[in-house]
Amino acid sequence: MDNVIEDFKDRVEEIDNYLKMLEILLDPEVQIRIRDRTKSISKSESTLKGAFFLLLYSLVESTIKKGIERLYATINSEEECITFFKKEVAEIWFGQQCQSKIMEEFVNKVFENETLVLDTKVEFSGNLDAKKIREIFEKHSIRTIVHYRARKGGELLTVKTRRNNLAHGDSFSECGRDYTTADLHRIKKSTVVFLRGLLKNIEKHIGEKKYAI
């Protein structure tokens, strides 16, 4: 999990730096000089705020994707047959096998006690909010309780919605025009607290081998 947590920290730092840059650029006393011409950034304010949601959603999906993939990689490293694992892991394996194998091959794998190997490639296709993440975690029997400052991950719905609006044709300006920099800081803070808590839960789940019987 160390690499996953380190990547999370790096991405959070990128967003922090973006917000700092945004605050500097939106300072009414700040002007940008391009080829001896002075320009104000104020007309681009909404566009810059809209881009923030793309950065933050990328953090959300990357964090959950890499956390679950780390869990799957750990399970595979056990090199055990299906009877070693809890029902939740077996069900995930069954689902993956049924998609890729004919039934006869699948049944043979079960009865021959073949080593369980999960497909570690995880995709979410832009649909992650707090509700969906809790469903994913509950499917894996991973604890979903996090710090109260995460506000139950409620801001993730806004982040997902704005990201999907961009993907379906809204401009960055349209996505960012209704938010102040204080709003962006609030959304970022609660989202980061939510994700950090979930990473700790995955780390504990792996460390205590809660995927095994």
N, C-alpha and C. Protein backbone atom coordinates (compact mmCIF):
# COMPACT_ATOMS: atom_id res chain seq x y z
N MET A 1 0.82 -1.22 0.00
CA MET A 1 0.00 0.00 0.00
C MET A 1 0.85 1.27 0.00
N ASP A 2 2.14 1.14 0.30
CA ASP A 2 2.97 2.33 0.41
C ASP A 2 2.96 3.15 -0.88
N ASN A 3 3.08 2.47 -2.03
CA ASN A 3 3.09 3.18 -3.31
C ASN A 3 1.75 3.85 -3.60
N VAL A 4 0.67 3.19 -3.21
CA VAL A 4 -0.67 3.75 -3.41
C VAL A 4 -0.84 5.01 -2.58
N ILE A 5 -0.43 4.96 -1.33
CA ILE A 5 -0.55 6.11 -0.43
C ILE A 5 0.35 7.25 -0.89
N GLU A 6 1.55 6.91 -1.36
CA GLU A 6 2.47 7.94 -1.83
C GLU A 6 1.92 8.64 -3.07
N ASP A 7 1.34 7.87 -3.97
CA ASP A 7 0.72 8.45 -5.17
C ASP A 7 -0.44 9.36 -4.78
N PHE A 8 -1.22 8.94 -3.79
CA PHE A 8 -2.33 9.76 -3.31
C PHE A 8 -1.82 11.10 -2.78
N LYS A 9 -0.78 11.06 -1.99
CA LYS A 9 -0.20 12.29 -1.43
C LYS A 9 0.30 13.22 -2.54
N ASP A 10 0.94 12.64 -3.54
CA ASP A 10 1.46 13.44 -4.66
C ASP A 10 0.32 14.13 -5.41
N ARG A 11 -0.77 13.41 -5.62
CA ARG A 11 -1.90 13.98 -6.35
C ARG A 11 -2.60 15.06 -5.54
N VAL A 12 -2.68 14.85 -4.23
CA VAL A 12 -3.27 15.89 -3.36
C VAL A 12 -2.41 17.14 -3.41
N GLU A 13 -1.11 16.96 -3.41
CA GLU A 13 -0.20 18.11 -3.47
C GLU A 13 -0.37 18.86 -4.80
N GLU A 14 -0.59 18.13 -5.89
CA GLU A 14 -0.83 18.77 -7.18
C GLU A 14 -2.07 19.67 -7.12
N ILE A 15 -3.13 19.15 -6.49
CA ILE A 15 -4.36 19.93 -6.39
C ILE A 15 -4.16 21.13 -5.47
N ASP A 16 -3.44 20.94 -4.37
CA ASP A 16 -3.14 22.07 -3.48
C ASP A 16 -2.38 23.16 -4.24
N ASN A 17 -1.41 22.75 -5.03
CA ASN A 17 -0.63 23.72 -5.80
C ASN A 17 -1.49 24.43 -6.84
N TYR A 18 -2.42 23.68 -7.43
CA TYR A 18 -3.32 24.29 -8.41
C TYR A 18 -4.19 25.36 -7.75
N LEU A 19 -4.71 25.05 -6.56
CA LEU A 19 -5.55 26.03 -5.86
C LEU A 19 -4.75 27.25 -5.44
N LYS A 20 -3.51 27.04 -5.04
CA LYS A 20 -2.64 28.18 -4.69
C LYS A 20 -2.40 29.06 -5.91
N MET A 21 -2.11 28.42 -7.04
CA MET A 21 -1.91 29.17 -8.28
C MET A 21 -3.17 29.93 -8.67
N LEU A 22 -4.32 29.27 -8.49
CA LEU A 22 -5.60 29.88 -8.84
C LEU A 22 -5.83 31.14 -8.00
N GLU A 23 -5.57 31.06 -6.72
CA GLU A 23 -5.75 32.21 -5.84
C GLU A 23 -4.84 33.37 -6.24
N ILE A 24 -3.62 33.04 -6.63
CA ILE A 24 -2.68 34.09 -7.07
C ILE A 24 -3.18 34.74 -8.35
N LEU A 25 -3.59 33.93 -9.31
CA LEU A 25 -4.04 34.45 -10.60
C LEU A 25 -5.32 35.28 -10.48
N LEU A 26 -6.16 34.92 -9.50
CA LEU A 26 -7.43 35.63 -9.36
C LEU A 26 -7.33 36.86 -8.46
N ASP A 27 -6.16 37.10 -7.92
CA ASP A 27 -5.93 38.33 -7.15
C ASP A 27 -6.10 39.52 -8.10
N PRO A 28 -7.02 40.45 -7.79
CA PRO A 28 -7.29 41.58 -8.69
C PRO A 28 -6.07 42.44 -8.98
N GLU A 29 -5.07 42.37 -8.13
CA GLU A 29 -3.87 43.17 -8.36
C GLU A 29 -2.85 42.46 -9.24
N VAL A 30 -3.12 41.20 -9.55
CA VAL A 30 -2.18 40.43 -10.37
C VAL A 30 -2.52 40.56 -11.84
N GLN A 31 -1.51 40.86 -12.65
CA GLN A 31 -1.66 40.92 -14.09
C GLN A 31 -0.55 40.11 -14.73
N ILE A 32 -0.86 39.53 -15.89
CA ILE A 32 0.10 38.71 -16.60
C ILE A 32 0.63 39.47 -17.81
N ARG A 33 1.94 39.50 -17.97
CA ARG A 33 2.55 40.19 -19.10
C ARG A 33 2.97 39.17 -20.15
N ILE A 34 2.40 39.29 -21.35
CA ILE A 34 2.72 38.41 -22.47
C ILE A 34 3.16 39.27 -23.65
N ARG A 35 4.44 39.14 -24.03
CA ARG A 35 4.99 39.90 -25.17
C ARG A 35 4.69 41.38 -25.02
N ASP A 36 5.06 41.89 -23.87
CA ASP A 36 4.93 43.32 -23.55
C ASP A 36 3.48 43.80 -23.46
N ARG A 37 2.55 42.86 -23.39
CA ARG A 37 1.14 43.24 -23.23
C ARG A 37 0.64 42.70 -21.89
N THR A 38 -0.04 43.56 -21.15
CA THR A 38 -0.54 43.17 -19.84
C THR A 38 -1.99 42.72 -19.95
N LYS A 39 -2.27 41.53 -19.38
CA LYS A 39 -3.62 40.98 -19.47
C LYS A 39 -4.11 40.55 -18.09
N SER A 40 -5.39 40.71 -17.86
CA SER A 40 -6.01 40.22 -16.62
C SER A 40 -6.53 38.81 -16.86
N ILE A 41 -6.49 38.00 -15.81
CA ILE A 41 -6.94 36.61 -15.92
C ILE A 41 -8.41 36.47 -15.54
N SER A 42 -9.05 37.57 -15.15
CA SER A 42 -10.40 37.51 -14.58
C SER A 42 -11.40 36.85 -15.53
N LYS A 43 -11.25 37.04 -16.84
CA LYS A 43 -12.19 36.46 -17.79
C LYS A 43 -12.09 34.94 -17.84
N SER A 44 -10.97 34.41 -17.38
CA SER A 44 -10.76 32.96 -17.40
C SER A 44 -11.04 32.31 -16.04
N GLU A 45 -11.56 33.08 -15.10
CA GLU A 45 -11.76 32.60 -13.74
C GLU A 45 -12.62 31.34 -13.70
N SER A 46 -13.78 31.37 -14.36
CA SER A 46 -14.69 30.22 -14.33
C SER A 46 -14.08 29.00 -15.00
N THR A 47 -13.31 29.23 -16.06
CA THR A 47 -12.66 28.13 -16.77
C THR A 47 -11.66 27.43 -15.86
N LEU A 48 -10.86 28.20 -15.14
CA LEU A 48 -9.86 27.64 -14.24
C LEU A 48 -10.53 26.87 -13.10
N LYS A 49 -11.64 27.38 -12.61
CA LYS A 49 -12.37 26.69 -11.54
C LYS A 49 -12.98 25.39 -12.06
N GLY A 50 -13.45 25.42 -13.30
CA GLY A 50 -14.01 24.21 -13.88
C GLY A 50 -12.98 23.10 -14.02
N ALA A 51 -11.75 23.48 -14.38
CA ALA A 51 -10.68 22.50 -14.53
C ALA A 51 -10.36 21.82 -13.20
N PHE A 52 -10.61 22.52 -12.11
CA PHE A 52 -10.38 21.94 -10.78
C PHE A 52 -11.15 20.64 -10.59
N PHE A 53 -12.39 20.60 -11.07
CA PHE A 53 -13.22 19.41 -10.87
C PHE A 53 -12.67 18.21 -11.62
N LEU A 54 -12.05 18.46 -12.77
CA LEU A 54 -11.43 17.37 -13.51
C LEU A 54 -10.24 16.79 -12.73
N LEU A 55 -9.44 17.67 -12.14
CA LEU A 55 -8.30 17.24 -11.33
C LEU A 55 -8.77 16.44 -10.11
N LEU A 56 -9.81 16.93 -9.45
CA LEU A 56 -10.27 16.28 -8.22
C LEU A 56 -10.92 14.94 -8.52
N TYR A 57 -11.69 14.85 -9.62
CA TYR A 57 -12.28 13.56 -9.94
C TYR A 57 -11.20 12.54 -10.30
N SER A 58 -10.17 13.00 -10.97
CA SER A 58 -9.06 12.11 -11.30
C SER A 58 -8.44 11.53 -10.03
N LEU A 59 -8.34 12.35 -8.99
CA LEU A 59 -7.84 11.88 -7.70
C LEU A 59 -8.76 10.80 -7.13
N VAL A 60 -10.06 11.03 -7.19
CA VAL A 60 -11.03 10.08 -6.64
C VAL A 60 -10.90 8.72 -7.33
N GLU A 61 -10.98 8.72 -8.65
CA GLU A 61 -10.98 7.45 -9.38
C GLU A 61 -9.63 6.74 -9.26
N SER A 62 -8.55 7.49 -9.34
CA SER A 62 -7.22 6.90 -9.22
C SER A 62 -7.03 6.25 -7.86
N THR A 63 -7.49 6.92 -6.80
CA THR A 63 -7.31 6.41 -5.44
C THR A 63 -8.05 5.10 -5.22
N ILE A 64 -9.31 5.07 -5.61
CA ILE A 64 -10.11 3.85 -5.41
C ILE A 64 -9.61 2.73 -6.32
N LYS A 65 -9.32 3.06 -7.55
CA LYS A 65 -8.81 2.05 -8.51
C LYS A 65 -7.53 1.40 -8.00
N LYS A 66 -6.56 2.21 -7.59
CA LYS A 66 -5.27 1.67 -7.16
C LYS A 66 -5.39 0.94 -5.82
N GLY A 67 -6.28 1.41 -4.96
CA GLY A 67 -6.49 0.72 -3.69
C GLY A 67 -7.05 -0.68 -3.88
N ILE A 68 -8.07 -0.80 -4.74
CA ILE A 68 -8.68 -2.12 -4.99
C ILE A 68 -7.70 -3.02 -5.76
N GLU A 69 -6.97 -2.45 -6.69
CA GLU A 69 -5.99 -3.23 -7.43
C GLU A 69 -4.89 -3.76 -6.51
N ARG A 70 -4.51 -2.95 -5.52
CA ARG A 70 -3.51 -3.41 -4.55
C ARG A 70 -4.05 -4.58 -3.73
N LEU A 71 -5.34 -4.50 -3.37
CA LEU A 71 -5.97 -5.60 -2.65
C LEU A 71 -5.94 -6.88 -3.49
N TYR A 72 -6.32 -6.76 -4.77
CA TYR A 72 -6.34 -7.94 -5.65
C TYR A 72 -4.93 -8.52 -5.81
N ALA A 73 -3.94 -7.65 -5.96
CA ALA A 73 -2.56 -8.13 -6.11
C ALA A 73 -2.11 -8.86 -4.85
N THR A 74 -2.52 -8.37 -3.70
CA THR A 74 -2.17 -9.04 -2.43
C THR A 74 -2.85 -10.41 -2.34
N ILE A 75 -4.10 -10.46 -2.73
CA ILE A 75 -4.83 -11.74 -2.73
C ILE A 75 -4.12 -12.74 -3.66
N ASN A 76 -3.72 -12.28 -4.84
CA ASN A 76 -3.04 -13.17 -5.78
C ASN A 76 -1.70 -13.66 -5.23
N SER A 77 -1.04 -12.81 -4.45
CA SER A 77 0.27 -13.19 -3.91
C SER A 77 0.17 -14.31 -2.87
N GLU A 78 -1.03 -14.56 -2.36
CA GLU A 78 -1.23 -15.66 -1.41
C GLU A 78 -1.04 -17.03 -2.07
N GLU A 79 -1.32 -17.08 -3.38
CA GLU A 79 -1.19 -18.33 -4.15
C GLU A 79 -1.94 -19.48 -3.48
N GLU A 80 -3.20 -19.19 -3.13
CA GLU A 80 -4.05 -20.18 -2.47
C GLU A 80 -5.27 -20.49 -3.33
N CYS A 81 -5.89 -21.63 -3.06
CA CYS A 81 -7.10 -22.00 -3.79
C CYS A 81 -8.30 -21.29 -3.17
N ILE A 82 -9.44 -21.48 -3.76
CA ILE A 82 -10.63 -20.72 -3.40
C ILE A 82 -11.06 -20.94 -1.95
N THR A 83 -10.80 -22.10 -1.39
CA THR A 83 -11.25 -22.40 -0.03
C THR A 83 -10.50 -21.60 1.04
N PHE A 84 -9.40 -20.96 0.65
CA PHE A 84 -8.63 -20.15 1.59
C PHE A 84 -9.29 -18.80 1.85
N PHE A 85 -10.14 -18.37 0.90
CA PHE A 85 -10.67 -17.01 0.93
C PHE A 85 -12.12 -16.94 1.39
N LYS A 86 -12.50 -15.76 1.84
CA LYS A 86 -13.87 -15.53 2.28
C LYS A 86 -14.82 -15.50 1.07
N LYS A 87 -16.08 -15.60 1.38
CA LYS A 87 -17.13 -15.67 0.37
C LYS A 87 -17.06 -14.49 -0.60
N GLU A 88 -16.78 -13.30 -0.10
CA GLU A 88 -16.77 -12.11 -0.95
C GLU A 88 -15.72 -12.21 -2.05
N VAL A 89 -14.54 -12.73 -1.69
CA VAL A 89 -13.47 -12.89 -2.68
C VAL A 89 -13.86 -13.94 -3.70
N ALA A 90 -14.43 -15.04 -3.22
CA ALA A 90 -14.87 -16.11 -4.13
C ALA A 90 -15.89 -15.60 -5.13
N GLU A 91 -16.82 -14.76 -4.67
CA GLU A 91 -17.86 -14.23 -5.55
C GLU A 91 -17.27 -13.33 -6.62
N ILE A 92 -16.27 -12.54 -6.25
CA ILE A 92 -15.60 -11.68 -7.23
C ILE A 92 -14.90 -12.55 -8.27
N TRP A 93 -14.21 -13.59 -7.80
CA TRP A 93 -13.52 -14.51 -8.71
C TRP A 93 -14.51 -15.20 -9.63
N PHE A 94 -15.63 -15.68 -9.06
CA PHE A 94 -16.66 -16.33 -9.87
C PHE A 94 -17.12 -15.40 -11.00
N GLY A 95 -17.38 -14.14 -10.63
CA GLY A 95 -17.85 -13.17 -11.61
C GLY A 95 -16.86 -12.96 -12.74
N GLN A 96 -15.58 -12.86 -12.41
CA GLN A 96 -14.56 -12.68 -13.43
C GLN A 96 -14.43 -13.92 -14.31
N GLN A 97 -14.49 -15.11 -13.70
CA GLN A 97 -14.34 -16.34 -14.46
C GLN A 97 -15.51 -16.57 -15.41
N CYS A 98 -16.70 -16.27 -14.95
CA CYS A 98 -17.89 -16.49 -15.77
C CYS A 98 -17.90 -15.60 -17.00
N GLN A 99 -17.23 -14.47 -16.91
CA GLN A 99 -17.16 -13.56 -18.05
C GLN A 99 -16.16 -14.03 -19.10
N SER A 100 -15.18 -14.83 -18.66
CA SER A 100 -14.08 -15.15 -19.59
C SER A 100 -13.94 -16.64 -19.92
N LYS A 101 -14.66 -17.52 -19.21
CA LYS A 101 -14.49 -18.95 -19.41
C LYS A 101 -15.83 -19.63 -19.69
N ILE A 102 -15.77 -20.73 -20.43
CA ILE A 102 -16.99 -21.53 -20.58
C ILE A 102 -17.21 -22.30 -19.28
N MET A 103 -18.43 -22.72 -19.03
CA MET A 103 -18.80 -23.29 -17.73
C MET A 103 -17.98 -24.53 -17.38
N GLU A 104 -17.70 -25.39 -18.35
CA GLU A 104 -16.96 -26.62 -18.05
C GLU A 104 -15.56 -26.30 -17.49
N GLU A 105 -14.87 -25.35 -18.12
CA GLU A 105 -13.54 -24.95 -17.63
C GLU A 105 -13.64 -24.37 -16.24
N PHE A 106 -14.68 -23.58 -16.02
CA PHE A 106 -14.88 -22.93 -14.74
C PHE A 106 -15.08 -23.96 -13.62
N VAL A 107 -15.95 -24.94 -13.86
CA VAL A 107 -16.22 -25.97 -12.87
C VAL A 107 -14.96 -26.78 -12.57
N ASN A 108 -14.21 -27.09 -13.61
CA ASN A 108 -12.97 -27.85 -13.42
C ASN A 108 -11.99 -27.11 -12.51
N LYS A 109 -11.91 -25.80 -12.67
CA LYS A 109 -10.99 -25.01 -11.85
C LYS A 109 -11.36 -25.10 -10.37
N VAL A 110 -12.66 -25.09 -10.10
CA VAL A 110 -13.13 -25.15 -8.71
C VAL A 110 -12.77 -26.50 -8.09
N PHE A 111 -13.09 -27.58 -8.78
CA PHE A 111 -12.91 -28.92 -8.20
C PHE A 111 -11.45 -29.38 -8.21
N GLU A 112 -10.62 -28.77 -9.03
CA GLU A 112 -9.21 -29.13 -9.05
C GLU A 112 -8.39 -28.30 -8.05
N ASN A 113 -9.08 -27.45 -7.28
CA ASN A 113 -8.42 -26.59 -6.30
C ASN A 113 -7.30 -25.75 -6.93
N GLU A 114 -7.59 -25.24 -8.10
CA GLU A 114 -6.60 -24.40 -8.78
C GLU A 114 -6.41 -23.10 -8.00
N THR A 115 -5.20 -22.54 -8.05
CA THR A 115 -4.91 -21.29 -7.35
C THR A 115 -5.82 -20.17 -7.84
N LEU A 116 -6.42 -19.45 -6.90
CA LEU A 116 -7.30 -18.34 -7.26
C LEU A 116 -6.46 -17.14 -7.71
N VAL A 117 -6.78 -16.64 -8.89
CA VAL A 117 -6.08 -15.46 -9.42
C VAL A 117 -7.12 -14.46 -9.91
N LEU A 118 -7.11 -13.27 -9.33
CA LEU A 118 -8.04 -12.23 -9.73
C LEU A 118 -7.43 -11.36 -10.83
N ASP A 119 -8.29 -10.90 -11.72
CA ASP A 119 -7.88 -9.90 -12.70
C ASP A 119 -7.68 -8.58 -11.95
N THR A 120 -6.46 -8.06 -11.97
CA THR A 120 -6.16 -6.87 -11.16
C THR A 120 -6.46 -5.56 -11.88
N LYS A 121 -6.96 -5.63 -13.10
CA LYS A 121 -7.30 -4.40 -13.82
C LYS A 121 -8.70 -3.98 -13.43
N VAL A 122 -8.82 -2.79 -12.86
CA VAL A 122 -10.10 -2.28 -12.37
C VAL A 122 -10.45 -0.99 -13.11
N GLU A 123 -11.68 -0.89 -13.61
CA GLU A 123 -12.14 0.31 -14.31
C GLU A 123 -13.48 0.77 -13.74
N PHE A 124 -13.66 2.10 -13.67
CA PHE A 124 -14.91 2.64 -13.11
C PHE A 124 -15.65 3.57 -14.07
N SER A 125 -15.03 4.01 -15.13
CA SER A 125 -15.69 4.75 -16.21
C SER A 125 -16.42 6.01 -15.77
N GLY A 126 -15.81 6.76 -14.87
CA GLY A 126 -16.36 8.07 -14.52
C GLY A 126 -17.62 8.06 -13.69
N ASN A 127 -17.89 6.98 -12.97
CA ASN A 127 -19.15 6.88 -12.23
C ASN A 127 -18.99 6.82 -10.71
N LEU A 128 -17.88 7.27 -10.18
CA LEU A 128 -17.65 7.14 -8.74
C LEU A 128 -18.13 8.36 -7.95
N ASP A 129 -19.04 8.09 -7.03
CA ASP A 129 -19.38 9.05 -5.99
C ASP A 129 -19.38 8.26 -4.68
N ALA A 130 -19.73 8.88 -3.58
CA ALA A 130 -19.66 8.20 -2.28
C ALA A 130 -20.55 6.96 -2.23
N LYS A 131 -21.73 7.05 -2.80
CA LYS A 131 -22.66 5.92 -2.79
C LYS A 131 -22.07 4.73 -3.54
N LYS A 132 -21.53 4.98 -4.73
CA LYS A 132 -20.96 3.90 -5.53
C LYS A 132 -19.73 3.31 -4.85
N ILE A 133 -18.91 4.16 -4.25
CA ILE A 133 -17.71 3.68 -3.56
C ILE A 133 -18.08 2.80 -2.39
N ARG A 134 -19.10 3.19 -1.63
CA ARG A 134 -19.54 2.36 -0.50
C ARG A 134 -20.03 1.00 -1.00
N GLU A 135 -20.71 0.98 -2.14
CA GLU A 135 -21.17 -0.30 -2.70
C GLU A 135 -19.98 -1.19 -3.04
N ILE A 136 -18.95 -0.61 -3.63
CA ILE A 136 -17.74 -1.36 -4.00
C ILE A 136 -17.07 -1.91 -2.74
N PHE A 137 -16.94 -1.08 -1.73
CA PHE A 137 -16.28 -1.51 -0.49
C PHE A 137 -17.10 -2.58 0.23
N GLU A 138 -18.41 -2.43 0.25
CA GLU A 138 -19.26 -3.43 0.91
C GLU A 138 -19.18 -4.76 0.17
N LYS A 139 -19.04 -4.72 -1.14
CA LYS A 139 -18.89 -5.94 -1.94
C LYS A 139 -17.63 -6.70 -1.52
N HIS A 140 -16.61 -5.96 -1.09
CA HIS A 140 -15.35 -6.57 -0.67
C HIS A 140 -15.26 -6.72 0.86
N SER A 141 -16.33 -6.37 1.55
CA SER A 141 -16.36 -6.39 3.03
C SER A 141 -15.27 -5.49 3.64
N ILE A 142 -15.01 -4.38 2.99
CA ILE A 142 -14.06 -3.39 3.52
C ILE A 142 -14.84 -2.33 4.28
N ARG A 143 -14.36 -1.96 5.43
CA ARG A 143 -15.01 -0.96 6.28
C ARG A 143 -15.15 0.37 5.52
N THR A 144 -16.29 1.04 5.67
CA THR A 144 -16.53 2.30 4.95
C THR A 144 -16.61 3.51 5.87
N ILE A 145 -16.52 3.30 7.18
CA ILE A 145 -16.61 4.42 8.12
C ILE A 145 -15.33 5.26 8.04
N VAL A 146 -15.48 6.58 7.92
CA VAL A 146 -14.34 7.49 7.87
C VAL A 146 -14.58 8.66 8.82
N HIS A 147 -13.64 9.59 8.89
CA HIS A 147 -13.73 10.73 9.79
C HIS A 147 -14.95 11.59 9.48
N TYR A 148 -15.55 12.16 10.50
CA TYR A 148 -16.76 12.95 10.32
C TYR A 148 -16.53 14.17 9.43
N ARG A 149 -15.29 14.65 9.36
CA ARG A 149 -15.00 15.82 8.52
C ARG A 149 -15.11 15.50 7.03
N ALA A 150 -15.20 14.23 6.71
CA ALA A 150 -15.41 13.84 5.31
C ALA A 150 -16.85 14.12 4.87
N ARG A 151 -17.72 14.39 5.85
CA ARG A 151 -19.14 14.66 5.56
C ARG A 151 -19.77 13.53 4.75
N LYS A 152 -19.36 12.31 5.09
CA LYS A 152 -19.88 11.09 4.45
C LYS A 152 -19.61 11.05 2.95
N GLY A 153 -18.65 11.87 2.51
CA GLY A 153 -18.29 11.87 1.08
C GLY A 153 -19.30 12.58 0.20
N GLY A 154 -20.14 13.39 0.81
CA GLY A 154 -21.21 14.05 0.07
C GLY A 154 -20.76 14.92 -1.09
N GLU A 155 -19.55 15.50 -0.98
CA GLU A 155 -19.06 16.38 -2.03
C GLU A 155 -18.69 15.62 -3.30
N LEU A 156 -18.50 14.30 -3.17
CA LEU A 156 -18.09 13.53 -4.35
C LEU A 156 -19.16 13.50 -5.43
N LEU A 157 -20.42 13.64 -5.04
CA LEU A 157 -21.49 13.69 -6.04
C LEU A 157 -21.33 14.93 -6.91
N THR A 158 -21.00 16.07 -6.28
CA THR A 158 -20.76 17.30 -7.03
C THR A 158 -19.58 17.13 -7.97
N VAL A 159 -18.51 16.54 -7.46
CA VAL A 159 -17.30 16.34 -8.25
C VAL A 159 -17.59 15.44 -9.45
N LYS A 160 -18.28 14.33 -9.21
CA LYS A 160 -18.62 13.40 -10.30
C LYS A 160 -19.53 14.07 -11.32
N THR A 161 -20.53 14.79 -10.85
CA THR A 161 -21.48 15.44 -11.75
C THR A 161 -20.79 16.45 -12.64
N ARG A 162 -19.93 17.29 -12.05
CA ARG A 162 -19.22 18.30 -12.83
C ARG A 162 -18.27 17.64 -13.83
N ARG A 163 -17.61 16.59 -13.42
CA ARG A 163 -16.70 15.88 -14.32
C ARG A 163 -17.48 15.30 -15.50
N ASN A 164 -18.63 14.69 -15.22
CA ASN A 164 -19.42 14.08 -16.29
C ASN A 164 -20.04 15.14 -17.19
N ASN A 165 -20.39 16.28 -16.62
CA ASN A 165 -20.90 17.38 -17.45
C ASN A 165 -19.85 17.83 -18.46
N LEU A 166 -18.60 17.89 -18.01
CA LEU A 166 -17.51 18.24 -18.93
C LEU A 166 -17.37 17.19 -20.03
N ALA A 167 -17.49 15.93 -19.63
CA ALA A 167 -17.34 14.84 -20.60
C ALA A 167 -18.47 14.83 -21.62
N HIS A 168 -19.63 15.41 -21.27
CA HIS A 168 -20.78 15.39 -22.15
C HIS A 168 -21.06 16.75 -22.81
N GLY A 169 -20.06 17.62 -22.82
CA GLY A 169 -20.19 18.83 -23.64
C GLY A 169 -20.24 20.16 -22.94
N ASP A 170 -20.41 20.20 -21.61
CA ASP A 170 -20.38 21.49 -20.92
C ASP A 170 -18.97 22.08 -20.99
N SER A 171 -18.88 23.38 -21.03
CA SER A 171 -17.57 24.03 -21.05
C SER A 171 -17.00 24.09 -19.63
N PHE A 172 -15.69 24.29 -19.53
CA PHE A 172 -15.06 24.45 -18.22
C PHE A 172 -15.66 25.66 -17.51
N SER A 173 -15.95 26.68 -18.28
CA SER A 173 -16.52 27.90 -17.70
C SER A 173 -17.89 27.62 -17.07
N GLU A 174 -18.72 26.84 -17.76
CA GLU A 174 -20.04 26.49 -17.23
C GLU A 174 -19.92 25.69 -15.94
N CYS A 175 -18.95 24.82 -15.87
CA CYS A 175 -18.79 23.97 -14.70
C CYS A 175 -18.25 24.73 -13.49
N GLY A 176 -17.49 25.80 -13.74
CA GLY A 176 -16.84 26.49 -12.63
C GLY A 176 -17.44 27.81 -12.21
N ARG A 177 -18.40 28.32 -12.96
CA ARG A 177 -18.87 29.69 -12.74
C ARG A 177 -19.62 29.90 -11.44
N ASP A 178 -20.20 28.85 -10.86
CA ASP A 178 -21.01 29.01 -9.66
C ASP A 178 -20.24 28.79 -8.36
N TYR A 179 -18.92 28.65 -8.45
CA TYR A 179 -18.12 28.31 -7.26
C TYR A 179 -17.07 29.38 -6.96
N THR A 180 -16.95 29.68 -5.67
CA THR A 180 -15.87 30.56 -5.21
C THR A 180 -14.65 29.70 -4.91
N THR A 181 -13.50 30.34 -4.72
CA THR A 181 -12.31 29.57 -4.36
C THR A 181 -12.50 28.92 -2.98
N ALA A 182 -13.27 29.58 -2.12
CA ALA A 182 -13.56 28.99 -0.80
C ALA A 182 -14.37 27.69 -0.97
N ASP A 183 -15.30 27.68 -1.93
CA ASP A 183 -16.07 26.47 -2.22
C ASP A 183 -15.14 25.34 -2.67
N LEU A 184 -14.20 25.68 -3.53
CA LEU A 184 -13.28 24.66 -4.06
C LEU A 184 -12.43 24.07 -2.95
N HIS A 185 -11.96 24.92 -2.05
CA HIS A 185 -11.17 24.44 -0.91
C HIS A 185 -11.99 23.51 -0.03
N ARG A 186 -13.25 23.86 0.20
CA ARG A 186 -14.13 23.04 1.04
C ARG A 186 -14.37 21.67 0.39
N ILE A 187 -14.66 21.69 -0.89
CA ILE A 187 -14.92 20.44 -1.62
C ILE A 187 -13.67 19.56 -1.62
N LYS A 188 -12.53 20.18 -1.88
CA LYS A 188 -11.26 19.43 -1.90
C LYS A 188 -10.96 18.84 -0.54
N LYS A 189 -11.13 19.61 0.52
CA LYS A 189 -10.78 19.16 1.86
C LYS A 189 -11.61 17.95 2.29
N SER A 190 -12.91 18.02 2.13
CA SER A 190 -13.76 16.91 2.57
C SER A 190 -13.55 15.68 1.69
N THR A 191 -13.28 15.89 0.40
CA THR A 191 -13.01 14.77 -0.51
C THR A 191 -11.73 14.05 -0.12
N VAL A 192 -10.69 14.82 0.20
CA VAL A 192 -9.39 14.24 0.58
C VAL A 192 -9.52 13.48 1.91
N VAL A 193 -10.25 14.04 2.86
CA VAL A 193 -10.44 13.35 4.14
C VAL A 193 -11.18 12.02 3.91
N PHE A 194 -12.17 12.03 3.05
CA PHE A 194 -12.94 10.83 2.73
C PHE A 194 -12.04 9.77 2.11
N LEU A 195 -11.25 10.15 1.11
CA LEU A 195 -10.38 9.21 0.41
C LEU A 195 -9.27 8.69 1.32
N ARG A 196 -8.71 9.57 2.13
CA ARG A 196 -7.64 9.15 3.05
C ARG A 196 -8.17 8.10 4.02
N GLY A 197 -9.38 8.30 4.51
CA GLY A 197 -9.99 7.33 5.42
C GLY A 197 -10.21 5.99 4.75
N LEU A 198 -10.64 6.01 3.48
CA LEU A 198 -10.86 4.77 2.75
C LEU A 198 -9.55 4.02 2.50
N LEU A 199 -8.49 4.76 2.19
CA LEU A 199 -7.19 4.12 2.00
C LEU A 199 -6.72 3.43 3.29
N LYS A 200 -6.94 4.08 4.41
CA LYS A 200 -6.58 3.46 5.70
C LYS A 200 -7.37 2.19 5.92
N ASN A 201 -8.65 2.21 5.50
CA ASN A 201 -9.48 1.02 5.66
C ASN A 201 -8.99 -0.13 4.78
N ILE A 202 -8.58 0.19 3.55
CA ILE A 202 -8.03 -0.84 2.66
C ILE A 202 -6.73 -1.39 3.25
N GLU A 203 -5.89 -0.47 3.73
CA GLU A 203 -4.61 -0.88 4.31
C GLU A 203 -4.81 -1.83 5.49
N LYS A 204 -5.79 -1.52 6.34
CA LYS A 204 -6.08 -2.38 7.49
C LYS A 204 -6.64 -3.72 7.03
N HIS A 205 -7.50 -3.67 6.03
CA HIS A 205 -8.11 -4.88 5.49
C HIS A 205 -7.03 -5.84 4.98
N ILE A 206 -6.05 -5.28 4.26
CA ILE A 206 -4.95 -6.08 3.74
C ILE A 206 -4.04 -6.55 4.87
N GLY A 207 -3.67 -5.63 5.75
CA GLY A 207 -2.75 -5.96 6.83
C GLY A 207 -3.26 -7.05 7.74
N GLU A 208 -4.56 -7.07 7.99
CA GLU A 208 -5.16 -8.08 8.85
C GLU A 208 -5.70 -9.29 8.09
N LYS A 209 -5.44 -9.31 6.78
CA LYS A 209 -5.87 -10.42 5.91
C LYS A 209 -7.36 -10.74 6.09
N LYS A 210 -8.16 -9.69 6.09
CA LYS A 210 -9.59 -9.89 6.29
C LYS A 210 -10.28 -10.51 5.08
N TYR A 211 -9.55 -10.71 4.02
CA TYR A 211 -10.07 -11.38 2.83
C TYR A 211 -10.00 -12.89 2.95
N ALA A 212 -9.27 -13.38 3.97
CA ALA A 212 -9.07 -14.82 4.14
C ALA A 212 -9.97 -15.38 5.24
N ILE A 213 -10.27 -16.65 5.15
CA ILE A 213 -11.10 -17.31 6.17
C ILE A 213 -10.27 -17.50 7.44
